[in-house]
Amino acid sequence: MITKRYLIFTLLSFTCFQLLAEQDKYTIYVSSISWHTGLVIPGEVLPDSIWREGHEYGEAEYLEIGWGDADFYPSEGFNLWYAFKAVFWPTRSVLHIKPIARNPENHYYNTNVVKIELNKEQMETLVQFLVRELNLDESGQIIPSTQGLYSDSHFYEGSSRYYFPNNSNVWVARAIRHAGFPLRPLWLQTTGMVLNKVEDFGTLVVEKD
């Protein structure tokens, strides 16, 4: 039986291919954000149809995307119960999306950032992965969860489950692997491990002091 979610995903995938048809090369970044790893992509590559009123990020130069447990990731400080729960049984996930208005190489400082070049096919598969990871409503739009870590960012419901050892760093490694790079995500449990590995096929453009 073909589900409505499958039909929405198929339509969005076709839209993604149309959006990417006129460009051959893309630049993405992998950034270290405290103990989380961030994936930074051009704002234009995600289909416009997923954005809802008040949450339109398609015009942003770049988007920083992180993934994590729906309770632990948005919480202020370290919450022991949320951390315990996230480690010992599968929990709901959220994606944190923050717009970046300039080149990430000028945006970040005192952290490590690796630049990776993608061709059109690699970007298409990465976008497919990201769209699948978003929990979309019946109209194919993102579902807000809570206010983000910054004034201009927001958390959105994810479709997959958070559990140990499938943490936020492994999730970014999975995204990069979907773009066609040889990673073993479960071996990359920390942001340092992810950054060190993606340097094998990328370029360190910002370095922590």
C-alpha atoms as a PDB file:
ATOM      1  CA  MET A   1       0.000   0.000   0.000  1.00  0.00           C
ATOM      2  CA  ILE A   2       1.371   3.392  -0.978  1.00  0.00           C
ATOM      3  CA  THR A   3       1.236   5.741   1.997  1.00  0.00           C
ATOM      4  CA  LYS A   4       0.621   9.472   1.872  1.00  0.00           C
ATOM      5  CA  ARG A   5       4.093  10.041   3.379  1.00  0.00           C
ATOM      6  CA  TYR A   6       5.657   8.033   0.529  1.00  0.00           C
ATOM      7  CA  LEU A   7       3.780  10.088  -2.069  1.00  0.00           C
ATOM      8  CA  ILE A   8       4.858  13.333  -0.422  1.00  0.00           C
ATOM      9  CA  PHE A   9       8.472  12.167  -0.317  1.00  0.00           C
ATOM     10  CA  THR A  10       8.369  11.137  -3.985  1.00  0.00           C
ATOM     11  CA  LEU A  11       6.986  14.532  -4.995  1.00  0.00           C
ATOM     12  CA  LEU A  12       9.581  16.360  -2.902  1.00  0.00           C
ATOM     13  CA  SER A  13      12.364  14.257  -4.397  1.00  0.00           C
ATOM     14  CA  PHE A  14      11.236  15.224  -7.905  1.00  0.00           C
ATOM     15  CA  THR A  15      11.145  18.879  -6.822  1.00  0.00           C
ATOM     16  CA  CYS A  16      14.674  18.569  -5.418  1.00  0.00           C
ATOM     17  CA  PHE A  17      15.957  17.209  -8.739  1.00  0.00           C
ATOM     18  CA  GLN A  18      14.405  20.139 -10.598  1.00  0.00           C
ATOM     19  CA  LEU A  19      15.982  22.645  -8.190  1.00  0.00           C
ATOM     20  CA  LEU A  20      19.413  21.079  -8.586  1.00  0.00           C
ATOM     21  CA  ALA A  21      19.285  20.605 -12.337  1.00  0.00           C
ATOM     22  CA  GLU A  22      21.120  23.800 -13.286  1.00  0.00           C
ATOM     23  CA  GLN A  23      24.134  23.493 -10.984  1.00  0.00           C
ATOM     24  CA  ASP A  24      26.962  20.952 -11.057  1.00  0.00           C
ATOM     25  CA  LYS A  25      28.985  21.764  -7.929  1.00  0.00           C
ATOM     26  CA  TYR A  26      27.953  22.474  -4.351  1.00  0.00           C
ATOM     27  CA  THR A  27      29.790  23.295  -1.155  1.00  0.00           C
ATOM     28  CA  ILE A  28      28.716  22.025   2.244  1.00  0.00           C
ATOM     29  CA  TYR A  29      30.407  22.267   5.631  1.00  0.00           C
ATOM     30  CA  VAL A  30      30.706  20.115   8.729  1.00  0.00           C
ATOM     31  CA  SER A  31      31.079  22.152  11.905  1.00  0.00           C
ATOM     32  CA  SER A  32      31.845  21.461  15.544  1.00  0.00           C
ATOM     33  CA  ILE A  33      29.210  22.973  17.863  1.00  0.00           C
ATOM     34  CA  SER A  34      30.157  22.079  21.432  1.00  0.00           C
ATOM     35  CA  TRP A  35      29.565  18.297  21.654  1.00  0.00           C
ATOM     36  CA  HIS A  36      27.245  18.366  18.633  1.00  0.00           C
ATOM     37  CA  THR A  37      28.266  18.190  14.980  1.00  0.00           C
ATOM     38  CA  GLY A  38      26.517  20.517  12.548  1.00  0.00           C
ATOM     39  CA  LEU A  39      25.834  20.028   8.857  1.00  0.00           C
ATOM     40  CA  VAL A  40      25.836  23.283   6.871  1.00  0.00           C
ATOM     41  CA  ILE A  41      24.156  23.298   3.462  1.00  0.00           C
ATOM     42  CA  PRO A  42      23.096  25.974   0.949  1.00  0.00           C
ATOM     43  CA  GLY A  43      19.624  27.187   1.894  1.00  0.00           C
ATOM     44  CA  GLU A  44      18.374  26.919  -1.692  1.00  0.00           C
ATOM     45  CA  VAL A  45      18.778  23.148  -2.032  1.00  0.00           C
ATOM     46  CA  LEU A  46      15.842  22.118   0.162  1.00  0.00           C
ATOM     47  CA  PRO A  47      12.455  22.266  -1.601  1.00  0.00           C
ATOM     48  CA  ASP A  48      10.508  25.460  -0.914  1.00  0.00           C
ATOM     49  CA  SER A  49       7.347  23.442  -0.327  1.00  0.00           C
ATOM     50  CA  ILE A  50       8.521  22.122   3.061  1.00  0.00           C
ATOM     51  CA  TRP A  51       8.602  25.574   4.671  1.00  0.00           C
ATOM     52  CA  ARG A  52       5.509  26.858   6.448  1.00  0.00           C
ATOM     53  CA  GLU A  53       4.469  30.439   7.186  1.00  0.00           C
ATOM     54  CA  GLY A  54       6.830  32.023   9.695  1.00  0.00           C
ATOM     55  CA  HIS A  55       9.424  29.321   9.106  1.00  0.00           C
ATOM     56  CA  GLU A  56      10.729  30.100   5.633  1.00  0.00           C
ATOM     57  CA  TYR A  57      14.459  29.411   5.408  1.00  0.00           C
ATOM     58  CA  GLY A  58      14.789  28.903   1.666  1.00  0.00           C
ATOM     59  CA  GLU A  59      16.230  32.384   1.132  1.00  0.00           C
ATOM     60  CA  ALA A  60      19.032  31.876   3.664  1.00  0.00           C
ATOM     61  CA  GLU A  61      22.550  31.761   2.265  1.00  0.00           C
ATOM     62  CA  TYR A  62      23.258  28.626   4.308  1.00  0.00           C
ATOM     63  CA  LEU A  63      21.461  26.498   6.888  1.00  0.00           C
ATOM     64  CA  GLU A  64      23.152  24.904   9.873  1.00  0.00           C
ATOM     65  CA  ILE A  65      21.346  21.653  10.690  1.00  0.00           C
ATOM     66  CA  GLY A  66      21.798  19.567  13.821  1.00  0.00           C
ATOM     67  CA  TRP A  67      19.950  16.494  15.060  1.00  0.00           C
ATOM     68  CA  GLY A  68      19.317  15.075  18.509  1.00  0.00           C
ATOM     69  CA  ASP A  69      16.969  13.893  21.231  1.00  0.00           C
ATOM     70  CA  ALA A  70      13.719  15.897  21.363  1.00  0.00           C
ATOM     71  CA  ASP A  71      14.081  16.642  25.087  1.00  0.00           C
ATOM     72  CA  PHE A  72      17.830  16.759  25.687  1.00  0.00           C
ATOM     73  CA  TYR A  73      18.903  18.800  22.646  1.00  0.00           C
ATOM     74  CA  PRO A  74      16.653  21.857  23.262  1.00  0.00           C
ATOM     75  CA  SER A  75      17.112  21.890  27.053  1.00  0.00           C
ATOM     76  CA  GLU A  76      19.260  24.554  28.690  1.00  0.00           C
ATOM     77  CA  GLY A  77      22.349  23.164  30.381  1.00  0.00           C
ATOM     78  CA  PHE A  78      22.811  19.465  31.155  1.00  0.00           C
ATOM     79  CA  ASN A  79      19.683  17.567  32.194  1.00  0.00           C
ATOM     80  CA  LEU A  80      20.686  14.226  33.718  1.00  0.00           C
ATOM     81  CA  TRP A  81      17.250  12.617  33.255  1.00  0.00           C
ATOM     82  CA  TYR A  82      17.028  13.603  29.607  1.00  0.00           C
ATOM     83  CA  ALA A  83      20.555  12.305  29.025  1.00  0.00           C
ATOM     84  CA  PHE A  84      19.783   8.999  30.779  1.00  0.00           C
ATOM     85  CA  LYS A  85      16.549   8.550  28.834  1.00  0.00           C
ATOM     86  CA  ALA A  86      18.211   9.347  25.503  1.00  0.00           C
ATOM     87  CA  VAL A  87      20.961   6.782  26.096  1.00  0.00           C
ATOM     88  CA  PHE A  88      18.925   3.838  27.342  1.00  0.00           C
ATOM     89  CA  TRP A  89      15.868   3.707  25.083  1.00  0.00           C
ATOM     90  CA  PRO A  90      14.762   5.103  21.718  1.00  0.00           C
ATOM     91  CA  THR A  91      13.301   8.598  21.921  1.00  0.00           C
ATOM     92  CA  ARG A  92      11.801  11.169  19.590  1.00  0.00           C
ATOM     93  CA  SER A  93      14.223  13.303  17.576  1.00  0.00           C
ATOM     94  CA  VAL A  94      14.336  16.916  16.460  1.00  0.00           C
ATOM     95  CA  LEU A  95      16.313  18.823  13.862  1.00  0.00           C
ATOM     96  CA  HIS A  96      17.708  22.221  14.799  1.00  0.00           C
ATOM     97  CA  ILE A  97      17.799  24.628  11.855  1.00  0.00           C
ATOM     98  CA  LYS A  98      19.643  27.932  11.987  1.00  0.00           C
ATOM     99  CA  PRO A  99      20.039  30.322   9.028  1.00  0.00           C
ATOM    100  CA  ILE A 100      23.502  31.667   8.249  1.00  0.00           C
ATOM    101  CA  ALA A 101      23.584  34.908   6.290  1.00  0.00           C
ATOM    102  CA  ARG A 102      27.176  34.752   5.013  1.00  0.00           C
ATOM    103  CA  ASN A 103      29.899  32.365   3.963  1.00  0.00           C
ATOM    104  CA  PRO A 104      30.399  29.843   6.807  1.00  0.00           C
ATOM    105  CA  GLU A 105      34.147  30.362   6.560  1.00  0.00           C
ATOM    106  CA  ASN A 106      33.564  33.896   7.823  1.00  0.00           C
ATOM    107  CA  HIS A 107      30.720  32.996  10.185  1.00  0.00           C
ATOM    108  CA  TYR A 108      32.457  30.506  12.469  1.00  0.00           C
ATOM    109  CA  TYR A 109      35.407  31.195  14.752  1.00  0.00           C
ATOM    110  CA  ASN A 110      37.317  29.301  17.443  1.00  0.00           C
ATOM    111  CA  THR A 111      35.921  25.985  16.284  1.00  0.00           C
ATOM    112  CA  ASN A 112      36.692  23.411  13.606  1.00  0.00           C
ATOM    113  CA  VAL A 113      34.920  23.532  10.242  1.00  0.00           C
ATOM    114  CA  VAL A 114      35.573  21.290   7.236  1.00  0.00           C
ATOM    115  CA  LYS A 115      34.493  22.200   3.700  1.00  0.00           C
ATOM    116  CA  ILE A 116      33.359  19.436   1.337  1.00  0.00           C
ATOM    117  CA  GLU A 117      32.662  19.751  -2.386  1.00  0.00           C
ATOM    118  CA  LEU A 118      29.727  17.773  -3.825  1.00  0.00           C
ATOM    119  CA  ASN A 119      28.570  17.119  -7.340  1.00  0.00           C
ATOM    120  CA  LYS A 120      24.883  17.289  -8.312  1.00  0.00           C
ATOM    121  CA  GLU A 121      24.191  13.598  -7.722  1.00  0.00           C
ATOM    122  CA  GLN A 122      25.790  13.692  -4.273  1.00  0.00           C
ATOM    123  CA  MET A 123      23.755  16.729  -3.290  1.00  0.00           C
ATOM    124  CA  GLU A 124      20.562  15.081  -4.519  1.00  0.00           C
ATOM    125  CA  THR A 125      21.077  12.047  -2.296  1.00  0.00           C
ATOM    126  CA  LEU A 126      21.994  14.252   0.674  1.00  0.00           C
ATOM    127  CA  VAL A 127      18.818  16.319   0.230  1.00  0.00           C
ATOM    128  CA  GLN A 128      16.755  13.139  -0.011  1.00  0.00           C
ATOM    129  CA  PHE A 129      18.228  11.981   3.296  1.00  0.00           C
ATOM    130  CA  LEU A 130      17.484  15.302   5.001  1.00  0.00           C
ATOM    131  CA  VAL A 131      13.887  15.426   3.754  1.00  0.00           C
ATOM    132  CA  ARG A 132      13.316  11.862   4.995  1.00  0.00           C
ATOM    133  CA  GLU A 133      14.668  12.832   8.408  1.00  0.00           C
ATOM    134  CA  LEU A 134      12.070  15.596   8.800  1.00  0.00           C
ATOM    135  CA  ASN A 135       8.642  14.668  10.132  1.00  0.00           C
ATOM    136  CA  LEU A 136       6.320  16.387   7.668  1.00  0.00           C
ATOM    137  CA  ASP A 137       2.607  17.040   8.067  1.00  0.00           C
ATOM    138  CA  GLU A 138      -0.032  15.904   5.557  1.00  0.00           C
ATOM    139  CA  SER A 139       0.758  18.947   3.418  1.00  0.00           C
ATOM    140  CA  GLY A 140       4.432  18.007   3.241  1.00  0.00           C
ATOM    141  CA  GLN A 141       5.546  20.842   5.530  1.00  0.00           C
ATOM    142  CA  ILE A 142       7.864  20.812   8.521  1.00  0.00           C
ATOM    143  CA  ILE A 143       6.362  20.586  11.999  1.00  0.00           C
ATOM    144  CA  PRO A 144       7.742  23.078  14.551  1.00  0.00           C
ATOM    145  CA  SER A 145       8.693  21.574  17.914  1.00  0.00           C
ATOM    146  CA  THR A 146      10.101  24.419  20.022  1.00  0.00           C
ATOM    147  CA  GLN A 147      12.150  27.613  19.888  1.00  0.00           C
ATOM    148  CA  GLY A 148      15.747  27.086  18.827  1.00  0.00           C
ATOM    149  CA  LEU A 149      19.002  27.752  20.635  1.00  0.00           C
ATOM    150  CA  TYR A 150      19.253  31.167  18.966  1.00  0.00           C
ATOM    151  CA  SER A 151      16.728  33.918  18.320  1.00  0.00           C
ATOM    152  CA  ASP A 152      16.561  33.084  14.610  1.00  0.00           C
ATOM    153  CA  SER A 153      16.580  29.284  14.885  1.00  0.00           C
ATOM    154  CA  HIS A 154      13.984  26.625  15.592  1.00  0.00           C
ATOM    155  CA  PHE A 155      13.615  22.926  16.390  1.00  0.00           C
ATOM    156  CA  TYR A 156      11.494  20.753  14.097  1.00  0.00           C
ATOM    157  CA  GLU A 157      10.122  17.257  14.573  1.00  0.00           C
ATOM    158  CA  GLY A 158      12.329  14.488  13.237  1.00  0.00           C
ATOM    159  CA  SER A 159      11.155  11.201  11.732  1.00  0.00           C
ATOM    160  CA  SER A 160      13.841   8.893  13.146  1.00  0.00           C
ATOM    161  CA  ARG A 161      14.608   7.789  16.697  1.00  0.00           C
ATOM    162  CA  TYR A 162      17.487   8.839  18.912  1.00  0.00           C
ATOM    163  CA  TYR A 163      19.209   6.034  20.836  1.00  0.00           C
ATOM    164  CA  PHE A 164      22.686   4.966  21.841  1.00  0.00           C
ATOM    165  CA  PRO A 165      24.894   4.639  19.853  1.00  0.00           C
ATOM    166  CA  ASN A 166      22.922   6.538  17.194  1.00  0.00           C
ATOM    167  CA  ASN A 167      23.772  10.009  18.501  1.00  0.00           C
ATOM    168  CA  SER A 168      23.910  13.432  16.862  1.00  0.00           C
ATOM    169  CA  ASN A 169      27.459  12.966  15.579  1.00  0.00           C
ATOM    170  CA  VAL A 170      26.634   9.595  14.052  1.00  0.00           C
ATOM    171  CA  TRP A 171      23.627  11.225  12.372  1.00  0.00           C
ATOM    172  CA  VAL A 172      25.825  13.796  10.585  1.00  0.00           C
ATOM    173  CA  ALA A 173      28.197  11.005   9.561  1.00  0.00           C
ATOM    174  CA  ARG A 174      25.208   9.116   8.140  1.00  0.00           C
ATOM    175  CA  ALA A 175      24.218  12.196   6.157  1.00  0.00           C
ATOM    176  CA  ILE A 176      27.722  12.508   4.705  1.00  0.00           C
ATOM    177  CA  ARG A 177      27.769   8.805   3.884  1.00  0.00           C
ATOM    178  CA  HIS A 178      24.489   9.221   1.996  1.00  0.00           C
ATOM    179  CA  ALA A 179      26.271  11.853  -0.091  1.00  0.00           C
ATOM    180  CA  GLY A 180      28.616   9.110  -1.268  1.00  0.00           C
ATOM    181  CA  PHE A 181      31.601   9.307   1.076  1.00  0.00           C
ATOM    182  CA  PRO A 182      33.147   6.225   2.738  1.00  0.00           C
ATOM    183  CA  LEU A 183      32.240   6.602   6.417  1.00  0.00           C
ATOM    184  CA  ARG A 184      31.357   4.098   9.125  1.00  0.00           C
ATOM    185  CA  PRO A 185      28.996   6.299  11.165  1.00  0.00           C
ATOM    186  CA  LEU A 186      28.732   4.131  14.299  1.00  0.00           C
ATOM    187  CA  TRP A 187      32.508   4.394  14.732  1.00  0.00           C
ATOM    188  CA  LEU A 188      32.289   8.206  14.812  1.00  0.00           C
ATOM    189  CA  GLN A 189      30.765   8.865  18.246  1.00  0.00           C
ATOM    190  CA  THR A 190      32.245  12.326  18.917  1.00  0.00           C
ATOM    191  CA  THR A 191      32.341  15.544  16.946  1.00  0.00           C
ATOM    192  CA  GLY A 192      36.151  15.314  16.892  1.00  0.00           C
ATOM    193  CA  MET A 193      35.983  11.870  15.295  1.00  0.00           C
ATOM    194  CA  VAL A 194      33.581  13.109  12.617  1.00  0.00           C
ATOM    195  CA  LEU A 195      35.669  16.193  11.799  1.00  0.00           C
ATOM    196  CA  ASN A 196      38.900  14.200  11.647  1.00  0.00           C
ATOM    197  CA  LYS A 197      37.383  11.663   9.274  1.00  0.00           C
ATOM    198  CA  VAL A 198      35.743  14.119   6.867  1.00  0.00           C
ATOM    199  CA  GLU A 199      39.103  15.893   6.529  1.00  0.00           C
ATOM    200  CA  ASP A 200      40.130  12.843   4.482  1.00  0.00           C
ATOM    201  CA  PHE A 201      38.017  14.191   1.597  1.00  0.00           C
ATOM    202  CA  GLY A 202      37.449  17.792   2.672  1.00  0.00           C
ATOM    203  CA  THR A 203      39.433  20.855   3.688  1.00  0.00           C
ATOM    204  CA  LEU A 204      39.778  22.315   7.185  1.00  0.00           C
ATOM    205  CA  VAL A 205      38.819  25.964   6.645  1.00  0.00           C
ATOM    206  CA  VAL A 206      38.252  27.140  10.248  1.00  0.00           C
ATOM    207  CA  GLU A 207      40.328  25.884  13.161  1.00  0.00           C
ATOM    208  CA  LYS A 208      39.846  26.112  16.889  1.00  0.00           C
ATOM    209  CA  ASP A 209      42.361  28.400  18.627  1.00  0.00           C
END
